[in-house]
Amino acid sequence: MDLLAIGAGIAALTGIGAGIGIGIATGKAVEAVSRQPEARGNIMQLLLLGGALAEATAIYGLLVAFLIIILKP
């Protein structure tokens, strides 16, 4: 089995971590809004910022996986 394929698969697994992280963050944001509705704007702003950073991490992992596959020696 080619080790490059294994490395690319491991790099692509970053999407799972990002999905779990965004799910947990969304659940906590919903809890926070239900406890303190007047802070909804600030909570949503931070949720969107955190979601964007988590998605960027997943995209970097996907990019690394593609680079491993494309630029193999």
Protein backbone atom coordinates (compact mmCIF):
# COMPACT_ATOMS: atom_id res chain seq x y z
CA MET A 1 0.00 0.00 0.00
CA ASP A 2 1.28 3.42 -0.90
CA LEU A 3 2.21 5.58 2.09
CA LEU A 4 1.29 8.74 0.19
CA ALA A 5 -2.33 7.62 0.02
CA ILE A 6 -2.34 6.96 3.75
CA GLY A 7 -0.87 10.41 4.41
CA ALA A 8 -3.43 12.07 2.16
CA GLY A 9 -6.23 10.20 3.92
CA ILE A 10 -5.00 11.31 7.32
CA ALA A 11 -4.73 14.91 6.12
CA ALA A 12 -8.28 14.75 4.77
CA LEU A 13 -9.57 13.69 8.20
CA THR A 14 -9.27 17.31 9.37
CA GLY A 15 -12.76 17.79 7.94
CA ILE A 16 -14.17 15.48 10.61
CA GLY A 17 -12.61 17.53 13.39
CA ALA A 18 -13.90 20.75 11.90
CA GLY A 19 -17.41 19.33 11.59
CA ILE A 20 -17.45 18.15 15.19
CA GLY A 21 -16.08 21.49 16.39
CA ILE A 22 -18.64 23.53 14.49
CA GLY A 23 -21.44 21.29 15.76
CA ILE A 24 -20.37 21.71 19.37
CA ALA A 25 -19.95 25.48 18.94
CA THR A 26 -23.40 25.81 17.38
CA GLY A 27 -24.98 23.87 20.22
CA LYS A 28 -23.28 26.05 22.81
CA ALA A 29 -24.32 29.21 20.94
CA VAL A 30 -27.95 28.08 20.92
CA GLU A 31 -27.70 27.41 24.66
CA ALA A 32 -26.19 30.84 25.25
CA VAL A 33 -28.90 32.62 23.25
CA SER A 34 -31.63 30.70 25.06
CA ARG A 35 -30.16 31.76 28.42
CA GLN A 36 -29.48 35.38 27.48
CA PRO A 37 -31.46 36.47 24.39
CA GLU A 38 -30.32 40.10 24.57
CA ALA A 39 -26.74 39.03 23.80
CA ARG A 40 -27.79 37.31 20.57
CA GLY A 41 -25.87 39.67 18.28
CA ASN A 42 -22.55 39.26 20.05
CA ILE A 43 -22.96 35.49 20.35
CA MET A 44 -23.78 35.07 16.67
CA GLN A 45 -20.86 37.28 15.66
CA LEU A 46 -18.43 35.12 17.65
CA LEU A 47 -20.07 31.93 16.36
CA LEU A 48 -19.57 33.00 12.76
CA LEU A 49 -15.95 33.96 13.40
CA GLY A 50 -15.24 30.62 15.09
CA GLY A 51 -17.02 28.70 12.33
CA ALA A 52 -14.97 30.47 9.68
CA LEU A 53 -11.72 29.62 11.47
CA ALA A 54 -12.76 25.97 11.84
CA GLU A 55 -13.66 25.75 8.16
CA ALA A 56 -10.33 27.34 7.22
CA THR A 57 -8.58 24.57 9.15
CA ALA A 58 -10.56 21.94 7.25
CA ILE A 59 -9.75 23.58 3.93
CA TYR A 60 -6.03 23.63 4.82
CA GLY A 61 -6.18 19.91 5.57
CA LEU A 62 -7.90 19.23 2.26
CA LEU A 63 -5.30 21.34 0.46
CA VAL A 64 -2.49 19.37 2.09
CA ALA A 65 -4.16 16.11 1.07
CA PHE A 66 -4.41 17.28 -2.55
CA LEU A 67 -0.80 18.46 -2.54
CA ILE A 68 0.38 15.11 -1.18
CA ILE A 69 -1.42 13.31 -3.98
CA ILE A 70 -0.48 15.70 -6.81
CA LEU A 71 3.15 16.41 -5.90
CA LYS A 72 4.22 12.87 -5.15
CA PRO A 73 7.90 12.22 -5.92
